[in-house]
Amino acid sequence: MECPECKSTRTSKNGHKRGKQNYLCRNCGRQFVDRPTTNRGYNDQLKRECLKMYVNGMGLRAIERVKGVHHTTIITWLKGVGELLPDAYTPEQIPDVGELDELETFIGSKKTKSGCGQR
């Protein structure tokens, strides 16, 4: 067994890590596994499918049920895609006229302080 750091062959076994034999280099003290798995995570096709489902109006937990990907993972993917988007559009000219829909608010006090008119 050869250390990936110093290329020394003076190594010893040092327990198991995620089901694989863990080694310790006696020269530099680095811990390592023999053949680490580098292909972890979800493939790009599944990520694209989940993002398309979200853009088309499907909820995060519904995507989780269909695809088997945790909803917080999908949120992380959405944040990553959002960072790639350009900043908000800034118009060159501000319009003179704006349109506002009706807005209704309640001003005053209610007759009762608790439910059904009872104290």
PDB file of N, CA and C in Angstrom:
ATOM      1  N   MET A   1       0.848  -1.174   0.000  1.00  0.00           N
ATOM      2  CA  MET A   1       0.000   0.000   0.000  1.00  0.00           C
ATOM      3  C   MET A   1       0.896   1.240   0.000  1.00  0.00           C
ATOM      4  N   GLU A   2       0.564   2.210  -0.844  1.00  0.00           N
ATOM      5  CA  GLU A   2       1.382   3.421  -0.981  1.00  0.00           C
ATOM      6  C   GLU A   2       0.581   4.640  -0.528  1.00  0.00           C
ATOM      7  N   CYS A   3       1.216   5.499   0.251  1.00  0.00           N
ATOM      8  CA  CYS A   3       0.565   6.714   0.739  1.00  0.00           C
ATOM      9  C   CYS A   3       0.373   7.701  -0.425  1.00  0.00           C
ATOM     10  N   PRO A   4      -0.820   8.280  -0.587  1.00  0.00           N
ATOM     11  CA  PRO A   4      -1.023   9.234  -1.675  1.00  0.00           C
ATOM     12  C   PRO A   4      -0.316  10.567  -1.433  1.00  0.00           C
ATOM     13  N   GLU A   5       0.076  10.848  -0.200  1.00  0.00           N
ATOM     14  CA  GLU A   5       0.727  12.119   0.132  1.00  0.00           C
ATOM     15  C   GLU A   5       2.233  12.073  -0.104  1.00  0.00           C
ATOM     16  N   CYS A   6       2.904  11.137   0.585  1.00  0.00           N
ATOM     17  CA  CYS A   6       4.368  11.102   0.511  1.00  0.00           C
ATOM     18  C   CYS A   6       4.899   9.917  -0.286  1.00  0.00           C
ATOM     19  N   LYS A   7       4.028   9.068  -0.805  1.00  0.00           N
ATOM     20  CA  LYS A   7       4.389   7.900  -1.629  1.00  0.00           C
ATOM     21  C   LYS A   7       5.210   6.861  -0.861  1.00  0.00           C
ATOM     22  N   SER A   8       5.103   6.877   0.457  1.00  0.00           N
ATOM     23  CA  SER A   8       5.806   5.911   1.284  1.00  0.00           C
ATOM     24  C   SER A   8       5.033   4.596   1.303  1.00  0.00           C
ATOM     25  N   THR A   9       5.756   3.491   1.480  1.00  0.00           N
ATOM     26  CA  THR A   9       5.107   2.181   1.588  1.00  0.00           C
ATOM     27  C   THR A   9       5.000   1.735   3.039  1.00  0.00           C
ATOM     28  N   ARG A  10       5.426   2.564   3.966  1.00  0.00           N
ATOM     29  CA  ARG A  10       5.328   2.240   5.396  1.00  0.00           C
ATOM     30  C   ARG A  10       3.947   2.634   5.899  1.00  0.00           C
ATOM     31  N   THR A  11       2.989   1.744   5.728  1.00  0.00           N
ATOM     32  CA  THR A  11       1.608   2.002   6.144  1.00  0.00           C
ATOM     33  C   THR A  11       1.137   0.876   7.043  1.00  0.00           C
ATOM     34  N   SER A  12       0.117   1.180   7.824  1.00  0.00           N
ATOM     35  CA  SER A  12      -0.488   0.152   8.668  1.00  0.00           C
ATOM     36  C   SER A  12      -1.998   0.305   8.623  1.00  0.00           C
ATOM     37  N   LYS A  13      -2.675  -0.791   8.904  1.00  0.00           N
ATOM     38  CA  LYS A  13      -4.139  -0.750   8.905  1.00  0.00           C
ATOM     39  C   LYS A  13      -4.615   0.096  10.086  1.00  0.00           C
ATOM     40  N   ASN A  14      -5.727   0.825   9.858  1.00  0.00           N
ATOM     41  CA  ASN A  14      -6.211   1.742  10.886  1.00  0.00           C
ATOM     42  C   ASN A  14      -7.738   1.729  10.934  1.00  0.00           C
ATOM     43  N   GLY A  15      -8.309   0.549  11.060  1.00  0.00           N
ATOM     44  CA  GLY A  15      -9.758   0.436  11.181  1.00  0.00           C
ATOM     45  C   GLY A  15     -10.460   0.469   9.831  1.00  0.00           C
ATOM     46  N   HIS A  16     -11.769   0.668   9.891  1.00  0.00           N
ATOM     47  CA  HIS A  16     -12.592   0.736   8.686  1.00  0.00           C
ATOM     48  C   HIS A  16     -13.325   2.062   8.633  1.00  0.00           C
ATOM     49  N   LYS A  17     -13.549   2.540   7.422  1.00  0.00           N
ATOM     50  CA  LYS A  17     -14.274   3.792   7.214  1.00  0.00           C
ATOM     51  C   LYS A  17     -15.254   3.564   6.081  1.00  0.00           C
ATOM     52  N   ARG A  18     -16.549   3.671   6.376  1.00  0.00           N
ATOM     53  CA  ARG A  18     -17.612   3.444   5.399  1.00  0.00           C
ATOM     54  C   ARG A  18     -17.470   2.098   4.704  1.00  0.00           C
ATOM     55  N   GLY A  19     -17.133   1.092   5.477  1.00  0.00           N
ATOM     56  CA  GLY A  19     -17.052  -0.258   4.937  1.00  0.00           C
ATOM     57  C   GLY A  19     -15.759  -0.575   4.226  1.00  0.00           C
ATOM     58  N   LYS A  20     -14.825   0.338   4.165  1.00  0.00           N
ATOM     59  CA  LYS A  20     -13.543   0.088   3.496  1.00  0.00           C
ATOM     60  C   LYS A  20     -12.415   0.147   4.513  1.00  0.00           C
ATOM     61  N   GLN A  21     -11.342  -0.569   4.213  1.00  0.00           N
ATOM     62  CA  GLN A  21     -10.176  -0.585   5.085  1.00  0.00           C
ATOM     63  C   GLN A  21      -9.500   0.778   5.085  1.00  0.00           C
ATOM     64  N   ASN A  22      -9.260   1.321   6.270  1.00  0.00           N
ATOM     65  CA  ASN A  22      -8.589   2.593   6.435  1.00  0.00           C
ATOM     66  C   ASN A  22      -7.117   2.333   6.774  1.00  0.00           C
ATOM     67  N   TYR A  23      -6.222   3.117   6.181  1.00  0.00           N
ATOM     68  CA  TYR A  23      -4.788   2.942   6.403  1.00  0.00           C
ATOM     69  C   TYR A  23      -4.196   4.215   6.994  1.00  0.00           C
ATOM     70  N   LEU A  24      -3.055   4.053   7.673  1.00  0.00           N
ATOM     71  CA  LEU A  24      -2.334   5.168   8.275  1.00  0.00           C
ATOM     72  C   LEU A  24      -0.884   5.115   7.806  1.00  0.00           C
ATOM     73  N   CYS A  25      -0.400   6.238   7.292  1.00  0.00           N
ATOM     74  CA  CYS A  25       0.994   6.320   6.854  1.00  0.00           C
ATOM     75  C   CYS A  25       1.871   6.582   8.080  1.00  0.00           C
ATOM     76  N   ARG A  26       2.928   5.783   8.219  1.00  0.00           N
ATOM     77  CA  ARG A  26       3.818   5.948   9.380  1.00  0.00           C
ATOM     78  C   ARG A  26       4.790   7.108   9.201  1.00  0.00           C
ATOM     79  N   ASN A  27       5.017   7.536   7.969  1.00  0.00           N
ATOM     80  CA  ASN A  27       5.939   8.656   7.732  1.00  0.00           C
ATOM     81  C   ASN A  27       5.267   9.998   7.970  1.00  0.00           C
ATOM     82  N   CYS A  28       4.150  10.258   7.265  1.00  0.00           N
ATOM     83  CA  CYS A  28       3.539  11.587   7.347  1.00  0.00           C
ATOM     84  C   CYS A  28       2.297  11.622   8.241  1.00  0.00           C
ATOM     85  N   GLY A  29       1.762  10.449   8.630  1.00  0.00           N
ATOM     86  CA  GLY A  29       0.613  10.418   9.528  1.00  0.00           C
ATOM     87  C   GLY A  29      -0.735  10.584   8.847  1.00  0.00           C
ATOM     88  N   ARG A  30      -0.754  10.563   7.525  1.00  0.00           N
ATOM     89  CA  ARG A  30      -2.022  10.737   6.808  1.00  0.00           C
ATOM     90  C   ARG A  30      -2.838   9.453   6.841  1.00  0.00           C
ATOM     91  N   GLN A  31      -4.180   9.626   6.998  1.00  0.00           N
ATOM     92  CA  GLN A  31      -5.093   8.500   6.913  1.00  0.00           C
ATOM     93  C   GLN A  31      -5.697   8.481   5.516  1.00  0.00           C
ATOM     94  N   PHE A  32      -5.893   7.284   4.960  1.00  0.00           N
ATOM     95  CA  PHE A  32      -6.475   7.171   3.632  1.00  0.00           C
ATOM     96  C   PHE A  32      -7.086   5.790   3.456  1.00  0.00           C
ATOM     97  N   VAL A  33      -7.930   5.656   2.453  1.00  0.00           N
ATOM     98  CA  VAL A  33      -8.494   4.355   2.080  1.00  0.00           C
ATOM     99  C   VAL A  33      -7.847   3.924   0.773  1.00  0.00           C
ATOM    100  N   ASP A  34      -7.890   2.626   0.507  1.00  0.00           N
ATOM    101  CA  ASP A  34      -7.197   2.069  -0.645  1.00  0.00           C
ATOM    102  C   ASP A  34      -7.733   2.619  -1.960  1.00  0.00           C
ATOM    103  N   ARG A  35      -8.995   2.423  -2.248  1.00  0.00           N
ATOM    104  CA  ARG A  35      -9.607   2.924  -3.481  1.00  0.00           C
ATOM    105  C   ARG A  35     -10.859   3.709  -3.103  1.00  0.00           C
ATOM    106  N   PRO A  36     -10.733   5.024  -2.874  1.00  0.00           N
ATOM    107  CA  PRO A  36     -11.915   5.801  -2.475  1.00  0.00           C
ATOM    108  C   PRO A  36     -12.909   5.903  -3.632  1.00  0.00           C
ATOM    109  N   THR A  37     -14.189   5.898  -3.282  1.00  0.00           N
ATOM    110  CA  THR A  37     -15.227   6.040  -4.299  1.00  0.00           C
ATOM    111  C   THR A  37     -15.395   7.518  -4.595  1.00  0.00           C
ATOM    112  N   THR A  38     -15.215   7.893  -5.849  1.00  0.00           N
ATOM    113  CA  THR A  38     -15.327   9.295  -6.227  1.00  0.00           C
ATOM    114  C   THR A  38     -16.668   9.608  -6.849  1.00  0.00           C
ATOM    115  N   ASN A  39     -17.420   8.601  -7.274  1.00  0.00           N
ATOM    116  CA  ASN A  39     -18.684   8.823  -7.952  1.00  0.00           C
ATOM    117  C   ASN A  39     -19.832   8.779  -6.949  1.00  0.00           C
ATOM    118  N   ARG A  40     -19.910   9.785  -6.108  1.00  0.00           N
ATOM    119  CA  ARG A  40     -20.985   9.862  -5.127  1.00  0.00           C
ATOM    120  C   ARG A  40     -21.946  10.960  -5.542  1.00  0.00           C
ATOM    121  N   GLY A  41     -23.182  10.860  -5.097  1.00  0.00           N
ATOM    122  CA  GLY A  41     -24.161  11.887  -5.408  1.00  0.00           C
ATOM    123  C   GLY A  41     -25.083  11.452  -6.532  1.00  0.00           C
ATOM    124  N   TYR A  42     -25.915  12.381  -6.975  1.00  0.00           N
ATOM    125  CA  TYR A  42     -26.902  12.116  -8.009  1.00  0.00           C
ATOM    126  C   TYR A  42     -26.357  12.517  -9.373  1.00  0.00           C
ATOM    127  N   ASN A  43     -26.815  11.819 -10.415  1.00  0.00           N
ATOM    128  CA  ASN A  43     -26.342  12.161 -11.757  1.00  0.00           C
ATOM    129  C   ASN A  43     -27.049  13.415 -12.270  1.00  0.00           C
ATOM    130  N   ASP A  44     -26.483  14.009 -13.300  1.00  0.00           N
ATOM    131  CA  ASP A  44     -26.999  15.275 -13.830  1.00  0.00           C
ATOM    132  C   ASP A  44     -28.379  15.126 -14.448  1.00  0.00           C
ATOM    133  N   GLN A  45     -28.671  13.970 -15.029  1.00  0.00           N
ATOM    134  CA  GLN A  45     -29.988  13.751 -15.643  1.00  0.00           C
ATOM    135  C   GLN A  45     -31.094  13.821 -14.591  1.00  0.00           C
ATOM    136  N   LEU A  46     -30.882  13.191 -13.430  1.00  0.00           N
ATOM    137  CA  LEU A  46     -31.870  13.228 -12.358  1.00  0.00           C
ATOM    138  C   LEU A  46     -32.033  14.651 -11.826  1.00  0.00           C
ATOM    139  N   LYS A  47     -30.930  15.391 -11.709  1.00  0.00           N
ATOM    140  CA  LYS A  47     -31.015  16.778 -11.256  1.00  0.00           C
ATOM    141  C   LYS A  47     -31.854  17.614 -12.216  1.00  0.00           C
ATOM    142  N   ARG A  48     -31.608  17.454 -13.518  1.00  0.00           N
ATOM    143  CA  ARG A  48     -32.384  18.206 -14.517  1.00  0.00           C
ATOM    144  C   ARG A  48     -33.864  17.856 -14.451  1.00  0.00           C
ATOM    145  N   GLU A  49     -34.175  16.571 -14.285  1.00  0.00           N
ATOM    146  CA  GLU A  49     -35.575  16.155 -14.200  1.00  0.00           C
ATOM    147  C   GLU A  49     -36.261  16.783 -12.988  1.00  0.00           C
ATOM    148  N   CYS A  50     -35.589  16.765 -11.849  1.00  0.00           N
ATOM    149  CA  CYS A  50     -36.176  17.350 -10.638  1.00  0.00           C
ATOM    150  C   CYS A  50     -36.385  18.857 -10.802  1.00  0.00           C
ATOM    151  N   LEU A  51     -35.419  19.547 -11.382  1.00  0.00           N
ATOM    152  CA  LEU A  51     -35.550  20.990 -11.577  1.00  0.00           C
ATOM    153  C   LEU A  51     -36.652  21.314 -12.578  1.00  0.00           C
ATOM    154  N   LYS A  52     -36.797  20.494 -13.628  1.00  0.00           N
ATOM    155  CA  LYS A  52     -37.889  20.696 -14.583  1.00  0.00           C
ATOM    156  C   LYS A  52     -39.240  20.508 -13.909  1.00  0.00           C
ATOM    157  N   MET A  53     -39.341  19.500 -13.051  1.00  0.00           N
ATOM    158  CA  MET A  53     -40.594  19.256 -12.337  1.00  0.00           C
ATOM    159  C   MET A  53     -40.943  20.449 -11.455  1.00  0.00           C
ATOM    160  N   TYR A  54     -39.929  21.026 -10.805  1.00  0.00           N
ATOM    161  CA  TYR A  54     -40.181  22.179  -9.935  1.00  0.00           C
ATOM    162  C   TYR A  54     -40.621  23.398 -10.751  1.00  0.00           C
ATOM    163  N   VAL A  55     -39.953  23.632 -11.878  1.00  0.00           N
ATOM    164  CA  VAL A  55     -40.289  24.781 -12.730  1.00  0.00           C
ATOM    165  C   VAL A  55     -41.702  24.630 -13.286  1.00  0.00           C
ATOM    166  N   ASN A  56     -42.127  23.403 -13.544  1.00  0.00           N
ATOM    167  CA  ASN A  56     -43.459  23.161 -14.081  1.00  0.00           C
ATOM    168  C   ASN A  56     -44.542  23.127 -13.017  1.00  0.00           C
ATOM    169  N   GLY A  57     -44.206  23.478 -11.775  1.00  0.00           N
ATOM    170  CA  GLY A  57     -45.222  23.670 -10.750  1.00  0.00           C
ATOM    171  C   GLY A  57     -45.369  22.551  -9.745  1.00  0.00           C
ATOM    172  N   MET A  58     -44.564  21.552  -9.799  1.00  0.00           N
ATOM    173  CA  MET A  58     -44.668  20.458  -8.839  1.00  0.00           C
ATOM    174  C   MET A  58     -43.989  20.864  -7.536  1.00  0.00           C
ATOM    175  N   GLY A  59     -44.549  20.502  -6.417  1.00  0.00           N
ATOM    176  CA  GLY A  59     -43.995  20.860  -5.120  1.00  0.00           C
ATOM    177  C   GLY A  59     -42.747  20.064  -4.785  1.00  0.00           C
ATOM    178  N   LEU A  60     -41.970  20.576  -3.844  1.00  0.00           N
ATOM    179  CA  LEU A  60     -40.713  19.931  -3.475  1.00  0.00           C
ATOM    180  C   LEU A  60     -40.940  18.558  -2.855  1.00  0.00           C
ATOM    181  N   ARG A  61     -41.929  18.447  -1.987  1.00  0.00           N
ATOM    182  CA  ARG A  61     -42.176  17.148  -1.346  1.00  0.00           C
ATOM    183  C   ARG A  61     -42.800  16.149  -2.314  1.00  0.00           C
ATOM    184  N   ALA A  62     -43.547  16.647  -3.301  1.00  0.00           N
ATOM    185  CA  ALA A  62     -44.088  15.750  -4.327  1.00  0.00           C
ATOM    186  C   ALA A  62     -42.953  15.186  -5.183  1.00  0.00           C
ATOM    187  N   ILE A  63     -41.976  16.023  -5.512  1.00  0.00           N
ATOM    188  CA  ILE A  63     -40.808  15.555  -6.256  1.00  0.00           C
ATOM    189  C   ILE A  63     -40.043  14.539  -5.423  1.00  0.00           C
ATOM    190  N   GLU A  64     -39.974  14.790  -4.120  1.00  0.00           N
ATOM    191  CA  GLU A  64     -39.298  13.854  -3.219  1.00  0.00           C
ATOM    192  C   GLU A  64     -39.968  12.487  -3.255  1.00  0.00           C
ATOM    193  N   ARG A  65     -41.290  12.478  -3.240  1.00  0.00           N
ATOM    194  CA  ARG A  65     -42.018  11.203  -3.280  1.00  0.00           C
ATOM    195  C   ARG A  65     -41.831  10.478  -4.607  1.00  0.00           C
ATOM    196  N   VAL A  66     -41.822  11.220  -5.708  1.00  0.00           N
ATOM    197  CA  VAL A  66     -41.734  10.603  -7.033  1.00  0.00           C
ATOM    198  C   VAL A  66     -40.317  10.126  -7.340  1.00  0.00           C
ATOM    199  N   LYS A  67     -39.328  10.963  -7.096  1.00  0.00           N
ATOM    200  CA  LYS A  67     -37.954  10.668  -7.497  1.00  0.00           C
ATOM    201  C   LYS A  67     -37.105  10.047  -6.390  1.00  0.00           C
ATOM    202  N   GLY A  68     -37.527  10.163  -5.142  1.00  0.00           N
ATOM    203  CA  GLY A  68     -36.744   9.600  -4.049  1.00  0.00           C
ATOM    204  C   GLY A  68     -35.553  10.454  -3.649  1.00  0.00           C
ATOM    205  N   VAL A  69     -35.585  11.748  -3.972  1.00  0.00           N
ATOM    206  CA  VAL A  69     -34.516  12.682  -3.607  1.00  0.00           C
ATOM    207  C   VAL A  69     -35.060  13.575  -2.499  1.00  0.00           C
ATOM    208  N   HIS A  70     -34.310  13.754  -1.423  1.00  0.00           N
ATOM    209  CA  HIS A  70     -34.787  14.554  -0.295  1.00  0.00           C
ATOM    210  C   HIS A  70     -35.028  15.998  -0.731  1.00  0.00           C
ATOM    211  N   HIS A  71     -36.076  16.612  -0.164  1.00  0.00           N
ATOM    212  CA  HIS A  71     -36.462  17.959  -0.601  1.00  0.00           C
ATOM    213  C   HIS A  71     -35.394  19.011  -0.304  1.00  0.00           C
ATOM    214  N   THR A  72     -34.616  18.845   0.758  1.00  0.00           N
ATOM    215  CA  THR A  72     -33.563  19.826   1.022  1.00  0.00           C
ATOM    216  C   THR A  72     -32.439  19.733  -0.014  1.00  0.00           C
ATOM    217  N   THR A  73     -32.240  18.542  -0.575  1.00  0.00           N
ATOM    218  CA  THR A  73     -31.265  18.398  -1.651  1.00  0.00           C
ATOM    219  C   THR A  73     -31.725  19.171  -2.878  1.00  0.00           C
ATOM    220  N   ILE A  74     -33.021  19.088  -3.176  1.00  0.00           N
ATOM    221  CA  ILE A  74     -33.571  19.819  -4.324  1.00  0.00           C
ATOM    222  C   ILE A  74     -33.453  21.323  -4.091  1.00  0.00           C
ATOM    223  N   ILE A  75     -33.686  21.773  -2.861  1.00  0.00           N
ATOM    224  CA  ILE A  75     -33.547  23.194  -2.530  1.00  0.00           C
ATOM    225  C   ILE A  75     -32.102  23.645  -2.763  1.00  0.00           C
ATOM    226  N   THR A  76     -31.140  22.820  -2.387  1.00  0.00           N
ATOM    227  CA  THR A  76     -29.728  23.151  -2.612  1.00  0.00           C
ATOM    228  C   THR A  76     -29.437  23.274  -4.100  1.00  0.00           C
ATOM    229  N   TRP A  77     -30.007  22.372  -4.912  1.00  0.00           N
ATOM    230  CA  TRP A  77     -29.830  22.465  -6.360  1.00  0.00           C
ATOM    231  C   TRP A  77     -30.448  23.745  -6.897  1.00  0.00           C
ATOM    232  N   LEU A  78     -31.625  24.113  -6.379  1.00  0.00           N
ATOM    233  CA  LEU A  78     -32.286  25.338  -6.832  1.00  0.00           C
ATOM    234  C   LEU A  78     -31.442  26.565  -6.497  1.00  0.00           C
ATOM    235  N   LYS A  79     -30.864  26.593  -5.309  1.00  0.00           N
ATOM    236  CA  LYS A  79     -30.010  27.718  -4.931  1.00  0.00           C
ATOM    237  C   LYS A  79     -28.796  27.808  -5.844  1.00  0.00           C
ATOM    238  N   GLY A  80     -28.224  26.661  -6.192  1.00  0.00           N
ATOM    239  CA  GLY A  80     -27.072  26.654  -7.080  1.00  0.00           C
ATOM    240  C   GLY A  80     -27.409  27.182  -8.462  1.00  0.00           C
ATOM    241  N   VAL A  81     -28.581  26.811  -8.989  1.00  0.00           N
ATOM    242  CA  VAL A  81     -29.010  27.308 -10.296  1.00  0.00           C
ATOM    243  C   VAL A  81     -29.333  28.796 -10.204  1.00  0.00           C
ATOM    244  N   GLY A  82     -29.919  29.219  -9.081  1.00  0.00           N
ATOM    245  CA  GLY A  82     -30.254  30.631  -8.895  1.00  0.00           C
ATOM    246  C   GLY A  82     -29.025  31.527  -8.871  1.00  0.00           C
ATOM    247  N   GLU A  83     -27.916  31.019  -8.351  1.00  0.00           N
ATOM    248  CA  GLU A  83     -26.686  31.820  -8.319  1.00  0.00           C
ATOM    249  C   GLU A  83     -26.110  32.017  -9.719  1.00  0.00           C
ATOM    250  N   LEU A  84     -26.440  31.117 -10.644  1.00  0.00           N
ATOM    251  CA  LEU A  84     -25.943  31.244 -12.013  1.00  0.00           C
ATOM    252  C   LEU A  84     -26.726  32.263 -12.822  1.00  0.00           C
ATOM    253  N   LEU A  85     -27.920  32.613 -12.357  1.00  0.00           N
ATOM    254  CA  LEU A  85     -28.752  33.572 -13.084  1.00  0.00           C
ATOM    255  C   LEU A  85     -28.183  34.979 -12.946  1.00  0.00           C
ATOM    256  N   PRO A  86     -28.431  35.841 -13.938  1.00  0.00           N
ATOM    257  CA  PRO A  86     -27.947  37.224 -13.828  1.00  0.00           C
ATOM    258  C   PRO A  86     -28.731  37.998 -12.771  1.00  0.00           C
ATOM    259  N   ASP A  87     -28.184  39.131 -12.371  1.00  0.00           N
ATOM    260  CA  ASP A  87     -28.855  39.974 -11.385  1.00  0.00           C
ATOM    261  C   ASP A  87     -30.163  40.510 -11.959  1.00  0.00           C
ATOM    262  N   ALA A  88     -30.974  41.113 -11.092  1.00  0.00           N
ATOM    263  CA  ALA A  88     -32.291  41.623 -11.484  1.00  0.00           C
ATOM    264  C   ALA A  88     -32.170  42.687 -12.572  1.00  0.00           C
ATOM    265  N   TYR A  89     -33.174  42.756 -13.394  1.00  0.00           N
ATOM    266  CA  TYR A  89     -33.228  43.704 -14.498  1.00  0.00           C
ATOM    267  C   TYR A  89     -33.412  45.115 -13.956  1.00  0.00           C
ATOM    268  N   THR A  90     -32.598  46.059 -14.398  1.00  0.00           N
ATOM    269  CA  THR A  90     -32.746  47.461 -14.016  1.00  0.00           C
ATOM    270  C   THR A  90     -33.126  48.244 -15.271  1.00  0.00           C
ATOM    271  N   PRO A  91     -34.336  48.808 -15.301  1.00  0.00           N
ATOM    272  CA  PRO A  91     -34.765  49.528 -16.504  1.00  0.00           C
ATOM    273  C   PRO A  91     -33.988  50.833 -16.681  1.00  0.00           C
ATOM    274  N   GLU A  92     -33.815  51.227 -17.957  1.00  0.00           N
ATOM    275  CA  GLU A  92     -33.117  52.480 -18.233  1.00  0.00           C
ATOM    276  C   GLU A  92     -33.989  53.682 -17.906  1.00  0.00           C
ATOM    277  N   GLN A  93     -35.307  53.501 -18.071  1.00  0.00           N
ATOM    278  CA  GLN A  93     -36.223  54.619 -17.855  1.00  0.00           C
ATOM    279  C   GLN A  93     -37.315  54.187 -16.886  1.00  0.00           C
ATOM    280  N   ILE A  94     -37.575  55.002 -15.881  1.00  0.00           N
ATOM    281  CA  ILE A  94     -38.618  54.699 -14.901  1.00  0.00           C
ATOM    282  C   ILE A  94     -39.939  55.205 -15.463  1.00  0.00           C
ATOM    283  N   PRO A  95     -40.990  54.380 -15.483  1.00  0.00           N
ATOM    284  CA  PRO A  95     -42.269  54.812 -16.055  1.00  0.00           C
ATOM    285  C   PRO A  95     -42.909  55.929 -15.230  1.00  0.00           C
ATOM    286  N   ASP A  96     -43.678  56.806 -15.916  1.00  0.00           N
ATOM    287  CA  ASP A  96     -44.347  57.923 -15.253  1.00  0.00           C
ATOM    288  C   ASP A  96     -45.636  57.489 -14.568  1.00  0.00           C
ATOM    289  N   VAL A  97     -46.327  56.502 -15.118  1.00  0.00           N
ATOM    290  CA  VAL A  97     -47.620  56.066 -14.605  1.00  0.00           C
ATOM    291  C   VAL A  97     -47.486  54.647 -14.074  1.00  0.00           C
ATOM    292  N   GLY A  98     -48.035  54.397 -12.893  1.00  0.00           N
ATOM    293  CA  GLY A  98     -48.064  53.062 -12.310  1.00  0.00           C
ATOM    294  C   GLY A  98     -49.488  52.619 -12.077  1.00  0.00           C
ATOM    295  N   GLU A  99     -49.701  51.331 -12.009  1.00  0.00           N
ATOM    296  CA  GLU A  99     -51.044  50.799 -11.796  1.00  0.00           C
ATOM    297  C   GLU A  99     -51.046  50.031 -10.492  1.00  0.00           C
ATOM    298  N   LEU A 100     -52.105  50.226  -9.694  1.00  0.00           N
ATOM    299  CA  LEU A 100     -52.208  49.572  -8.408  1.00  0.00           C
ATOM    300  C   LEU A 100     -53.588  48.959  -8.287  1.00  0.00           C
ATOM    301  N   ASP A 101     -53.655  47.711  -7.913  1.00  0.00           N
ATOM    302  CA  ASP A 101     -54.941  47.058  -7.706  1.00  0.00           C
ATOM    303  C   ASP A 101     -55.561  47.559  -6.407  1.00  0.00           C
ATOM    304  N   GLU A 102     -56.835  47.205  -6.219  1.00  0.00           N
ATOM    305  CA  GLU A 102     -57.541  47.652  -5.008  1.00  0.00           C
ATOM    306  C   GLU A 102     -56.905  47.037  -3.779  1.00  0.00           C
ATOM    307  N   LEU A 103     -56.876  47.821  -2.734  1.00  0.00           N
ATOM    308  CA  LEU A 103     -56.313  47.367  -1.482  1.00  0.00           C
ATOM    309  C   LEU A 103     -57.307  47.698  -0.384  1.00  0.00           C
ATOM    310  N   GLU A 104     -57.673  46.728   0.404  1.00  0.00           N
ATOM    311  CA  GLU A 104     -58.680  46.942   1.451  1.00  0.00           C
ATOM    312  C   GLU A 104     -58.074  46.558   2.793  1.00  0.00           C
ATOM    313  N   THR A 105     -58.196  47.435   3.772  1.00  0.00           N
ATOM    314  CA  THR A 105     -57.678  47.143   5.101  1.00  0.00           C
ATOM    315  C   THR A 105     -58.766  47.393   6.127  1.00  0.00           C
ATOM    316  N   PHE A 106     -58.601  46.837   7.311  1.00  0.00           N
ATOM    317  CA  PHE A 106     -59.537  47.035   8.399  1.00  0.00           C
ATOM    318  C   PHE A 106     -58.938  48.057   9.353  1.00  0.00           C
ATOM    319  N   ILE A 107     -59.676  49.130   9.593  1.00  0.00           N
ATOM    320  CA  ILE A 107     -59.233  50.154  10.529  1.00  0.00           C
ATOM    321  C   ILE A 107     -60.290  50.269  11.609  1.00  0.00           C
ATOM    322  N   GLY A 108     -59.880  50.230  12.839  1.00  0.00           N
ATOM    323  CA  GLY A 108     -60.822  50.310  13.946  1.00  0.00           C
ATOM    324  C   GLY A 108     -60.579  49.171  14.912  1.00  0.00           C
ATOM    325  N   SER A 109     -61.549  48.940  15.800  1.00  0.00           N
ATOM    326  CA  SER A 109     -61.403  47.866  16.773  1.00  0.00           C
ATOM    327  C   SER A 109     -62.608  46.944  16.680  1.00  0.00           C
ATOM    328  N   LYS A 110     -62.381  45.715  17.036  1.00  0.00           N
ATOM    329  CA  LYS A 110     -63.467  44.743  17.034  1.00  0.00           C
ATOM    330  C   LYS A 110     -64.289  44.941  18.301  1.00  0.00           C
ATOM    331  N   LYS A 111     -65.569  44.493  18.245  1.00  0.00           N
ATOM    332  CA  LYS A 111     -66.461  44.683  19.395  1.00  0.00           C
ATOM    333  C   LYS A 111     -66.099  43.741  20.523  1.00  0.00           C
ATOM    334  N   THR A 112     -65.631  42.541  20.224  1.00  0.00           N
ATOM    335  CA  THR A 112     -65.292  41.571  21.261  1.00  0.00           C
ATOM    336  C   THR A 112     -63.805  41.291  21.248  1.00  0.00           C
ATOM    337  N   LYS A 113     -63.290  40.997  22.419  1.00  0.00           N
ATOM    338  CA  LYS A 113     -61.871  40.709  22.541  1.00  0.00           C
ATOM    339  C   LYS A 113     -61.558  39.218  22.387  1.00  0.00           C
ATOM    340  N   SER A 114     -62.571  38.355  22.563  1.00  0.00           N
ATOM    341  CA  SER A 114     -62.339  36.918  22.441  1.00  0.00           C
ATOM    342  C   SER A 114     -63.399  36.324  21.523  1.00  0.00           C
ATOM    343  N   GLY A 115     -63.272  35.049  21.231  1.00  0.00           N
ATOM    344  CA  GLY A 115     -64.123  34.387  20.256  1.00  0.00           C
ATOM    345  C   GLY A 115     -65.592  34.292  20.674  1.00  0.00           C
ATOM    346  N   CYS A 116     -66.484  34.337  19.704  1.00  0.00           N
ATOM    347  CA  CYS A 116     -67.939  34.167  19.838  1.00  0.00           C
ATOM    348  C   CYS A 116     -68.592  35.211  20.734  1.00  0.00           C
ATOM    349  N   GLY A 117     -67.959  36.294  21.009  1.00  0.00           N
ATOM    350  CA  GLY A 117     -68.569  37.351  21.814  1.00  0.00           C
ATOM    351  C   GLY A 117     -68.572  37.077  23.298  1.00  0.00           C
ATOM    352  N   GLN A 118     -67.992  35.986  23.747  1.00  0.00           N
ATOM    353  CA  GLN A 118     -67.963  35.621  25.162  1.00  0.00           C
ATOM    354  C   GLN A 118     -66.579  35.903  25.735  1.00  0.00           C
ATOM    355  N   ARG A 119     -66.559  36.132  27.028  1.00  0.00           N
ATOM    356  CA  ARG A 119     -65.281  36.306  27.717  1.00  0.00           C
ATOM    357  C   ARG A 119     -64.864  35.043  28.386  1.00  0.00           C
TER     358      ARG A 119
END
